[in-house]
């Protein structure tokens, strides 16, 4: 792929970075990212994935825009209240950069449709709000051989990690949380509260980690950091990193899965 002059101009600040360069920008243009959840984490992540020139974006969400979302879900406006988030997010991408291919999937991912929705992805970025969806996405990513960047926020703590459970010796998301949460039992922002700027911090960091994965093999920035869980403390602020080991008996990626 040869980037035309207008794209070279748009991404000049990327291309001049030795850690990205022209080869890295071409890799981003060729990538297909499936974003699961277009809300608090998904909105800022989407904005920076689109700004980075990720060529194809599939946006999955079953919710509609509510006025309470506007405090942190940055692709939505008051005029969007009541509309499906996936549709509004896809329209935002087209306004922002018409050269990108954005497709909306209005619905929830589950075990019955995860493989179909995620098929053909270069990477999946999951910022949804329930464990049942997260585990269905993780299992499908392992089965399809697709890397997964997972991001979550609870009050002033954020968690971001990239997983490659399909690779030998690498953990999956289920290795991290086990199988005790195959239900819609997460704490909610409505009950616990959340600071919009902190959600944005986690979402943009998730986009950064996703870009690392997309650039692996194409640029020196491409260190996927498989299985490294980054814990962000919004109160500190601070960040620490722990390693998630592969569980040999994991039903998602272990030897018997």
C-alpha atoms as a PDB file:
ATOM      1  CA  UNK A   1       0.000   0.000   0.000  1.00  0.00           C
ATOM      2  CA  UNK A   2       1.254   3.491  -0.908  1.00  0.00           C
ATOM      3  CA  UNK A   3      -0.214   6.361   1.089  1.00  0.00           C
ATOM      4  CA  UNK A   4      -1.458   9.189  -1.166  1.00  0.00           C
ATOM      5  CA  UNK A   5      -0.211  12.748  -0.569  1.00  0.00           C
ATOM      6  CA  UNK A   6      -3.227  13.821   1.491  1.00  0.00           C
ATOM      7  CA  UNK A   7      -2.755  10.888   3.877  1.00  0.00           C
ATOM      8  CA  UNK A   8       0.981  11.543   4.128  1.00  0.00           C
ATOM      9  CA  UNK A   9       0.179  15.115   5.127  1.00  0.00           C
ATOM     10  CA  UNK A  10      -2.463  14.060   7.636  1.00  0.00           C
ATOM     11  CA  UNK A  11      -0.196  11.574   9.406  1.00  0.00           C
ATOM     12  CA  UNK A  12       3.094  13.445   8.987  1.00  0.00           C
ATOM     13  CA  UNK A  13       3.636  13.665  12.765  1.00  0.00           C
ATOM     14  CA  UNK A  14       3.364   9.881  13.007  1.00  0.00           C
ATOM     15  CA  UNK A  15       5.569   9.187  10.014  1.00  0.00           C
ATOM     16  CA  UNK A  16       8.378  11.426  11.232  1.00  0.00           C
ATOM     17  CA  UNK A  17       8.593   9.335  14.437  1.00  0.00           C
ATOM     18  CA  UNK A  18      11.303   6.683  13.944  1.00  0.00           C
ATOM     19  CA  UNK A  19       9.245   4.401  16.209  1.00  0.00           C
ATOM     20  CA  UNK A  20       6.328   4.495  13.741  1.00  0.00           C
ATOM     21  CA  UNK A  21       7.476   5.646  10.306  1.00  0.00           C
ATOM     22  CA  UNK A  22       5.803   5.026   6.995  1.00  0.00           C
ATOM     23  CA  UNK A  23       5.636   1.265   7.482  1.00  0.00           C
ATOM     24  CA  UNK A  24       3.860   1.691  10.783  1.00  0.00           C
ATOM     25  CA  UNK A  25       1.341   4.111   9.328  1.00  0.00           C
ATOM     26  CA  UNK A  26       0.588   1.717   6.490  1.00  0.00           C
ATOM     27  CA  UNK A  27       0.040  -1.051   9.073  1.00  0.00           C
ATOM     28  CA  UNK A  28      -2.499   1.145  10.859  1.00  0.00           C
ATOM     29  CA  UNK A  29      -4.246   1.939   7.577  1.00  0.00           C
ATOM     30  CA  UNK A  30      -4.565  -1.775   6.829  1.00  0.00           C
ATOM     31  CA  UNK A  31      -5.808  -2.705  10.307  1.00  0.00           C
ATOM     32  CA  UNK A  32      -9.340  -3.696  11.255  1.00  0.00           C
ATOM     33  CA  UNK A  33     -10.248  -3.005  14.875  1.00  0.00           C
ATOM     34  CA  UNK A  34     -13.501  -4.193  16.417  1.00  0.00           C
ATOM     35  CA  UNK A  35     -14.463  -1.890  19.294  1.00  0.00           C
ATOM     36  CA  UNK A  36     -16.825  -3.544  21.760  1.00  0.00           C
ATOM     37  CA  UNK A  37     -18.644  -0.811  23.651  1.00  0.00           C
ATOM     38  CA  UNK A  38     -18.856   2.802  22.457  1.00  0.00           C
ATOM     39  CA  UNK A  39     -19.347   4.322  25.903  1.00  0.00           C
ATOM     40  CA  UNK A  40     -16.990   5.837  28.451  1.00  0.00           C
ATOM     41  CA  UNK A  41     -13.914   3.814  27.510  1.00  0.00           C
ATOM     42  CA  UNK A  42     -14.929   3.257  23.898  1.00  0.00           C
ATOM     43  CA  UNK A  43     -15.550   6.896  22.977  1.00  0.00           C
ATOM     44  CA  UNK A  44     -12.042   8.268  23.647  1.00  0.00           C
ATOM     45  CA  UNK A  45     -10.461   5.043  22.418  1.00  0.00           C
ATOM     46  CA  UNK A  46     -12.395   5.374  19.163  1.00  0.00           C
ATOM     47  CA  UNK A  47     -11.361   8.990  18.729  1.00  0.00           C
ATOM     48  CA  UNK A  48      -7.663   8.186  18.968  1.00  0.00           C
ATOM     49  CA  UNK A  49      -7.864   5.021  16.885  1.00  0.00           C
ATOM     50  CA  UNK A  50      -9.570   7.038  14.155  1.00  0.00           C
ATOM     51  CA  UNK A  51      -7.075   9.871  14.575  1.00  0.00           C
ATOM     52  CA  UNK A  52      -4.266   7.311  14.196  1.00  0.00           C
ATOM     53  CA  UNK A  53      -5.668   6.273  10.813  1.00  0.00           C
ATOM     54  CA  UNK A  54      -6.891   2.771  11.641  1.00  0.00           C
ATOM     55  CA  UNK A  55      -8.438   1.924   8.296  1.00  0.00           C
ATOM     56  CA  UNK A  56     -11.438  -0.150   9.297  1.00  0.00           C
ATOM     57  CA  UNK A  57     -13.506   0.115  12.474  1.00  0.00           C
ATOM     58  CA  UNK A  58     -16.403  -2.101  13.523  1.00  0.00           C
ATOM     59  CA  UNK A  59     -18.330  -0.507  16.383  1.00  0.00           C
ATOM     60  CA  UNK A  60     -20.468  -2.749  18.578  1.00  0.00           C
ATOM     61  CA  UNK A  61     -22.984  -1.495  21.159  1.00  0.00           C
ATOM     62  CA  UNK A  62     -26.583  -2.348  22.017  1.00  0.00           C
ATOM     63  CA  UNK A  63     -27.346   0.809  24.015  1.00  0.00           C
ATOM     64  CA  UNK A  64     -28.799   4.200  23.099  1.00  0.00           C
ATOM     65  CA  UNK A  65     -27.396   7.585  24.066  1.00  0.00           C
ATOM     66  CA  UNK A  66     -28.661   8.951  27.382  1.00  0.00           C
ATOM     67  CA  UNK A  67     -28.164  12.488  28.648  1.00  0.00           C
ATOM     68  CA  UNK A  68     -26.136  11.110  31.583  1.00  0.00           C
ATOM     69  CA  UNK A  69     -23.596   9.727  29.075  1.00  0.00           C
ATOM     70  CA  UNK A  70     -22.536  13.194  27.930  1.00  0.00           C
ATOM     71  CA  UNK A  71     -20.356  13.731  31.015  1.00  0.00           C
ATOM     72  CA  UNK A  72     -17.783  11.242  29.703  1.00  0.00           C
ATOM     73  CA  UNK A  73     -18.801   9.676  26.364  1.00  0.00           C
ATOM     74  CA  UNK A  74     -17.146  12.223  24.150  1.00  0.00           C
ATOM     75  CA  UNK A  75     -18.417  11.320  20.670  1.00  0.00           C
ATOM     76  CA  UNK A  76     -22.033  12.075  21.627  1.00  0.00           C
ATOM     77  CA  UNK A  77     -23.967  15.362  21.807  1.00  0.00           C
ATOM     78  CA  UNK A  78     -27.394  16.304  23.193  1.00  0.00           C
ATOM     79  CA  UNK A  79     -28.826  15.892  19.680  1.00  0.00           C
ATOM     80  CA  UNK A  80     -27.871  12.184  19.814  1.00  0.00           C
ATOM     81  CA  UNK A  81     -29.926  11.329  22.916  1.00  0.00           C
ATOM     82  CA  UNK A  82     -32.149   8.346  22.169  1.00  0.00           C
ATOM     83  CA  UNK A  83     -30.135   7.182  19.138  1.00  0.00           C
ATOM     84  CA  UNK A  84     -28.154   3.907  19.028  1.00  0.00           C
ATOM     85  CA  UNK A  85     -24.596   4.537  20.200  1.00  0.00           C
ATOM     86  CA  UNK A  86     -23.026   2.361  17.505  1.00  0.00           C
ATOM     87  CA  UNK A  87     -24.753   4.291  14.721  1.00  0.00           C
ATOM     88  CA  UNK A  88     -23.817   7.668  16.176  1.00  0.00           C
ATOM     89  CA  UNK A  89     -20.210   6.580  16.699  1.00  0.00           C
ATOM     90  CA  UNK A  90     -19.926   5.339  13.106  1.00  0.00           C
ATOM     91  CA  UNK A  91     -21.332   8.629  11.842  1.00  0.00           C
ATOM     92  CA  UNK A  92     -18.778  10.505  13.954  1.00  0.00           C
ATOM     93  CA  UNK A  93     -15.946   8.537  12.304  1.00  0.00           C
ATOM     94  CA  UNK A  94     -17.233   9.399   8.829  1.00  0.00           C
ATOM     95  CA  UNK A  95     -17.375  13.095   9.695  1.00  0.00           C
ATOM     96  CA  UNK A  96     -13.914  12.991  11.236  1.00  0.00           C
ATOM     97  CA  UNK A  97     -12.178  11.092   8.443  1.00  0.00           C
ATOM     98  CA  UNK A  98     -14.159  10.005   5.406  1.00  0.00           C
ATOM     99  CA  UNK A  99     -11.317   7.758   4.245  1.00  0.00           C
ATOM    100  CA  UNK A 100     -11.952   5.352   7.113  1.00  0.00           C
ATOM    101  CA  UNK A 101     -14.420   2.462   6.884  1.00  0.00           C
ATOM    102  CA  UNK A 102     -16.706   2.491   9.933  1.00  0.00           C
ATOM    103  CA  UNK A 103     -19.465  -0.080  10.410  1.00  0.00           C
ATOM    104  CA  UNK A 104     -22.024  -0.117  13.209  1.00  0.00           C
ATOM    105  CA  UNK A 105     -23.305  -3.285  14.857  1.00  0.00           C
ATOM    106  CA  UNK A 106     -26.307  -2.446  17.017  1.00  0.00           C
ATOM    107  CA  UNK A 107     -26.545  -5.362  19.402  1.00  0.00           C
ATOM    108  CA  UNK A 108     -24.758  -7.244  22.128  1.00  0.00           C
ATOM    109  CA  UNK A 109     -22.029  -9.817  21.608  1.00  0.00           C
ATOM    110  CA  UNK A 110     -22.673 -13.222  23.156  1.00  0.00           C
ATOM    111  CA  UNK A 111     -21.523 -16.774  22.666  1.00  0.00           C
ATOM    112  CA  UNK A 112     -23.943 -17.238  19.791  1.00  0.00           C
ATOM    113  CA  UNK A 113     -22.617 -14.399  17.620  1.00  0.00           C
ATOM    114  CA  UNK A 114     -19.137 -13.456  18.907  1.00  0.00           C
ATOM    115  CA  UNK A 115     -17.211 -15.387  16.255  1.00  0.00           C
ATOM    116  CA  UNK A 116     -19.282 -13.885  13.444  1.00  0.00           C
ATOM    117  CA  UNK A 117     -18.942 -10.295  14.681  1.00  0.00           C
ATOM    118  CA  UNK A 118     -15.203 -10.527  15.409  1.00  0.00           C
ATOM    119  CA  UNK A 119     -14.147 -12.541  12.351  1.00  0.00           C
ATOM    120  CA  UNK A 120     -11.561 -10.769  10.222  1.00  0.00           C
ATOM    121  CA  UNK A 121     -10.412  -8.397  12.959  1.00  0.00           C
ATOM    122  CA  UNK A 122      -6.756  -7.488  13.335  1.00  0.00           C
ATOM    123  CA  UNK A 123      -7.462  -6.639  16.980  1.00  0.00           C
ATOM    124  CA  UNK A 124     -10.434  -6.353  19.328  1.00  0.00           C
ATOM    125  CA  UNK A 125     -10.613  -3.556  21.891  1.00  0.00           C
ATOM    126  CA  UNK A 126     -13.156  -4.390  24.579  1.00  0.00           C
ATOM    127  CA  UNK A 127     -14.444  -1.594  26.783  1.00  0.00           C
ATOM    128  CA  UNK A 128     -17.878  -3.034  27.557  1.00  0.00           C
ATOM    129  CA  UNK A 129     -19.577  -3.002  30.950  1.00  0.00           C
ATOM    130  CA  UNK A 130     -20.315  -6.647  31.804  1.00  0.00           C
ATOM    131  CA  UNK A 131     -18.346  -9.851  32.356  1.00  0.00           C
ATOM    132  CA  UNK A 132     -20.600 -12.070  30.257  1.00  0.00           C
ATOM    133  CA  UNK A 133     -19.734 -10.076  27.131  1.00  0.00           C
ATOM    134  CA  UNK A 134     -16.064  -9.752  28.083  1.00  0.00           C
ATOM    135  CA  UNK A 135     -15.662 -13.506  28.486  1.00  0.00           C
ATOM    136  CA  UNK A 136     -17.567 -14.288  25.289  1.00  0.00           C
ATOM    137  CA  UNK A 137     -15.283 -11.846  23.454  1.00  0.00           C
ATOM    138  CA  UNK A 138     -12.149 -13.315  25.035  1.00  0.00           C
ATOM    139  CA  UNK A 139     -13.082 -16.892  24.160  1.00  0.00           C
ATOM    140  CA  UNK A 140     -13.902 -15.910  20.580  1.00  0.00           C
ATOM    141  CA  UNK A 141     -10.600 -14.033  20.228  1.00  0.00           C
ATOM    142  CA  UNK A 142      -8.681 -17.129  21.323  1.00  0.00           C
ATOM    143  CA  UNK A 143     -10.627 -19.329  18.905  1.00  0.00           C
ATOM    144  CA  UNK A 144     -10.111 -16.889  16.014  1.00  0.00           C
ATOM    145  CA  UNK A 145      -6.470 -16.130  16.811  1.00  0.00           C
ATOM    146  CA  UNK A 146      -7.162 -12.417  17.300  1.00  0.00           C
ATOM    147  CA  UNK A 147      -5.365 -10.250  19.896  1.00  0.00           C
ATOM    148  CA  UNK A 148      -7.523  -8.593  22.555  1.00  0.00           C
ATOM    149  CA  UNK A 149      -6.964  -5.288  24.331  1.00  0.00           C
ATOM    150  CA  UNK A 150      -9.208  -5.087  27.391  1.00  0.00           C
ATOM    151  CA  UNK A 151      -9.970  -1.905  29.337  1.00  0.00           C
ATOM    152  CA  UNK A 152     -12.176  -1.281  32.361  1.00  0.00           C
ATOM    153  CA  UNK A 153     -12.871   1.478  34.878  1.00  0.00           C
ATOM    154  CA  UNK A 154     -14.240   1.303  38.413  1.00  0.00           C
ATOM    155  CA  UNK A 155     -14.465   4.642  40.204  1.00  0.00           C
ATOM    156  CA  UNK A 156     -10.811   5.790  40.300  1.00  0.00           C
ATOM    157  CA  UNK A 157      -9.161   2.538  39.197  1.00  0.00           C
ATOM    158  CA  UNK A 158      -8.519   1.597  35.593  1.00  0.00           C
ATOM    159  CA  UNK A 159      -7.303  -1.694  34.148  1.00  0.00           C
ATOM    160  CA  UNK A 160      -5.792  -2.085  30.689  1.00  0.00           C
ATOM    161  CA  UNK A 161      -4.106  -5.172  29.240  1.00  0.00           C
ATOM    162  CA  UNK A 162      -3.482  -6.864  25.897  1.00  0.00           C
ATOM    163  CA  UNK A 163      -3.946 -10.622  25.644  1.00  0.00           C
ATOM    164  CA  UNK A 164      -2.956 -13.239  23.090  1.00  0.00           C
ATOM    165  CA  UNK A 165      -4.279 -16.472  24.545  1.00  0.00           C
ATOM    166  CA  UNK A 166      -4.051 -18.105  21.127  1.00  0.00           C
ATOM    167  CA  UNK A 167      -0.242 -17.940  21.294  1.00  0.00           C
ATOM    168  CA  UNK A 168       1.818 -20.547  23.167  1.00  0.00           C
ATOM    169  CA  UNK A 169       2.599 -19.466  26.711  1.00  0.00           C
ATOM    170  CA  UNK A 170       0.418 -16.333  26.590  1.00  0.00           C
ATOM    171  CA  UNK A 171      -2.576 -15.723  28.845  1.00  0.00           C
ATOM    172  CA  UNK A 172      -6.099 -14.721  27.886  1.00  0.00           C
ATOM    173  CA  UNK A 173      -8.588 -12.485  29.689  1.00  0.00           C
ATOM    174  CA  UNK A 174     -10.199 -15.544  31.282  1.00  0.00           C
ATOM    175  CA  UNK A 175      -6.837 -16.447  32.851  1.00  0.00           C
ATOM    176  CA  UNK A 176      -7.121 -13.098  34.639  1.00  0.00           C
ATOM    177  CA  UNK A 177     -10.705 -13.257  35.933  1.00  0.00           C
ATOM    178  CA  UNK A 178     -11.449 -16.999  35.856  1.00  0.00           C
ATOM    179  CA  UNK A 179     -14.939 -18.202  35.016  1.00  0.00           C
ATOM    180  CA  UNK A 180     -16.776 -16.970  38.105  1.00  0.00           C
ATOM    181  CA  UNK A 181     -18.211 -13.931  36.354  1.00  0.00           C
ATOM    182  CA  UNK A 182     -20.169 -15.385  33.452  1.00  0.00           C
ATOM    183  CA  UNK A 183     -23.041 -13.099  34.354  1.00  0.00           C
ATOM    184  CA  UNK A 184     -24.066  -9.483  34.123  1.00  0.00           C
ATOM    185  CA  UNK A 185     -22.998  -8.629  37.647  1.00  0.00           C
ATOM    186  CA  UNK A 186     -20.523  -5.769  37.250  1.00  0.00           C
ATOM    187  CA  UNK A 187     -20.681  -2.632  39.334  1.00  0.00           C
ATOM    188  CA  UNK A 188     -22.153   0.226  37.334  1.00  0.00           C
ATOM    189  CA  UNK A 189     -21.201   3.869  36.873  1.00  0.00           C
ATOM    190  CA  UNK A 190     -24.790   4.791  37.748  1.00  0.00           C
ATOM    191  CA  UNK A 191     -24.392   3.259  41.197  1.00  0.00           C
ATOM    192  CA  UNK A 192     -20.746   4.036  41.959  1.00  0.00           C
ATOM    193  CA  UNK A 193     -20.081   7.199  39.979  1.00  0.00           C
ATOM    194  CA  UNK A 194     -17.144   7.907  37.679  1.00  0.00           C
ATOM    195  CA  UNK A 195     -15.058  10.956  36.778  1.00  0.00           C
ATOM    196  CA  UNK A 196     -15.286  11.696  33.067  1.00  0.00           C
ATOM    197  CA  UNK A 197     -11.667  12.811  32.689  1.00  0.00           C
ATOM    198  CA  UNK A 198     -10.401   9.594  34.296  1.00  0.00           C
ATOM    199  CA  UNK A 199     -12.457   7.442  31.943  1.00  0.00           C
ATOM    200  CA  UNK A 200     -10.903   9.414  29.102  1.00  0.00           C
ATOM    201  CA  UNK A 201      -7.447   8.712  30.532  1.00  0.00           C
ATOM    202  CA  UNK A 202      -8.129   4.970  30.564  1.00  0.00           C
ATOM    203  CA  UNK A 203      -9.708   4.984  27.099  1.00  0.00           C
ATOM    204  CA  UNK A 204      -6.823   6.837  25.488  1.00  0.00           C
ATOM    205  CA  UNK A 205      -4.305   4.569  27.246  1.00  0.00           C
ATOM    206  CA  UNK A 206      -6.215   1.577  25.872  1.00  0.00           C
ATOM    207  CA  UNK A 207      -5.936   3.087  22.382  1.00  0.00           C
ATOM    208  CA  UNK A 208      -2.189   3.472  22.916  1.00  0.00           C
ATOM    209  CA  UNK A 209      -1.855  -0.180  23.938  1.00  0.00           C
ATOM    210  CA  UNK A 210      -3.955  -1.269  20.959  1.00  0.00           C
ATOM    211  CA  UNK A 211      -1.703   0.734  18.633  1.00  0.00           C
ATOM    212  CA  UNK A 212       1.325  -1.027  20.126  1.00  0.00           C
ATOM    213  CA  UNK A 213      -0.216  -4.348  19.112  1.00  0.00           C
ATOM    214  CA  UNK A 214      -1.142  -3.125  15.633  1.00  0.00           C
ATOM    215  CA  UNK A 215       2.427  -1.934  15.039  1.00  0.00           C
ATOM    216  CA  UNK A 216       4.058  -5.170  16.164  1.00  0.00           C
ATOM    217  CA  UNK A 217       6.320  -6.366  13.377  1.00  0.00           C
ATOM    218  CA  UNK A 218       5.992  -3.075  11.508  1.00  0.00           C
ATOM    219  CA  UNK A 219       7.580  -0.469  13.813  1.00  0.00           C
ATOM    220  CA  UNK A 220       9.800  -0.319  16.869  1.00  0.00           C
ATOM    221  CA  UNK A 221       6.870   0.977  18.949  1.00  0.00           C
ATOM    222  CA  UNK A 222       5.259  -2.415  18.367  1.00  0.00           C
ATOM    223  CA  UNK A 223       5.768  -4.084  21.748  1.00  0.00           C
ATOM    224  CA  UNK A 224       2.452  -5.819  22.446  1.00  0.00           C
ATOM    225  CA  UNK A 225       3.147  -6.300  26.176  1.00  0.00           C
ATOM    226  CA  UNK A 226       1.090  -9.510  26.224  1.00  0.00           C
ATOM    227  CA  UNK A 227      -0.377 -10.359  29.606  1.00  0.00           C
ATOM    228  CA  UNK A 228       0.832  -7.180  31.321  1.00  0.00           C
ATOM    229  CA  UNK A 229      -2.032  -5.704  33.309  1.00  0.00           C
ATOM    230  CA  UNK A 230      -1.599  -1.974  33.826  1.00  0.00           C
ATOM    231  CA  UNK A 231      -3.439  -0.689  36.899  1.00  0.00           C
ATOM    232  CA  UNK A 232      -4.143   3.043  36.751  1.00  0.00           C
ATOM    233  CA  UNK A 233      -4.857   4.929  39.964  1.00  0.00           C
ATOM    234  CA  UNK A 234      -6.688   8.143  39.237  1.00  0.00           C
ATOM    235  CA  UNK A 235      -6.406   9.433  42.790  1.00  0.00           C
ATOM    236  CA  UNK A 236      -2.608   9.158  43.046  1.00  0.00           C
ATOM    237  CA  UNK A 237      -2.145   9.458  40.182  1.00  0.00           C
ATOM    238  CA  UNK A 238      -0.015   6.382  39.644  1.00  0.00           C
ATOM    239  CA  UNK A 239       0.309   3.227  37.586  1.00  0.00           C
ATOM    240  CA  UNK A 240       1.682  -0.194  38.375  1.00  0.00           C
ATOM    241  CA  UNK A 241       1.977  -3.261  36.189  1.00  0.00           C
ATOM    242  CA  UNK A 242       1.524  -6.923  37.031  1.00  0.00           C
ATOM    243  CA  UNK A 243       1.958 -10.013  34.877  1.00  0.00           C
ATOM    244  CA  UNK A 244      -1.001 -12.323  34.233  1.00  0.00           C
ATOM    245  CA  UNK A 245       0.347 -15.857  33.884  1.00  0.00           C
ATOM    246  CA  UNK A 246      -1.231 -18.359  31.521  1.00  0.00           C
ATOM    247  CA  UNK A 247      -3.472 -20.846  33.337  1.00  0.00           C
ATOM    248  CA  UNK A 248      -2.799 -24.308  31.928  1.00  0.00           C
ATOM    249  CA  UNK A 249      -6.323 -25.344  32.943  1.00  0.00           C
ATOM    250  CA  UNK A 250      -8.045 -22.208  31.634  1.00  0.00           C
ATOM    251  CA  UNK A 251     -11.238 -23.209  29.778  1.00  0.00           C
ATOM    252  CA  UNK A 252     -10.609 -20.377  27.350  1.00  0.00           C
ATOM    253  CA  UNK A 253      -7.000 -20.930  26.300  1.00  0.00           C
ATOM    254  CA  UNK A 254      -5.592 -23.810  28.376  1.00  0.00           C
ATOM    255  CA  UNK A 255      -4.485 -27.213  27.176  1.00  0.00           C
ATOM    256  CA  UNK A 256      -7.998 -28.667  27.359  1.00  0.00           C
ATOM    257  CA  UNK A 257     -10.000 -25.740  25.958  1.00  0.00           C
END
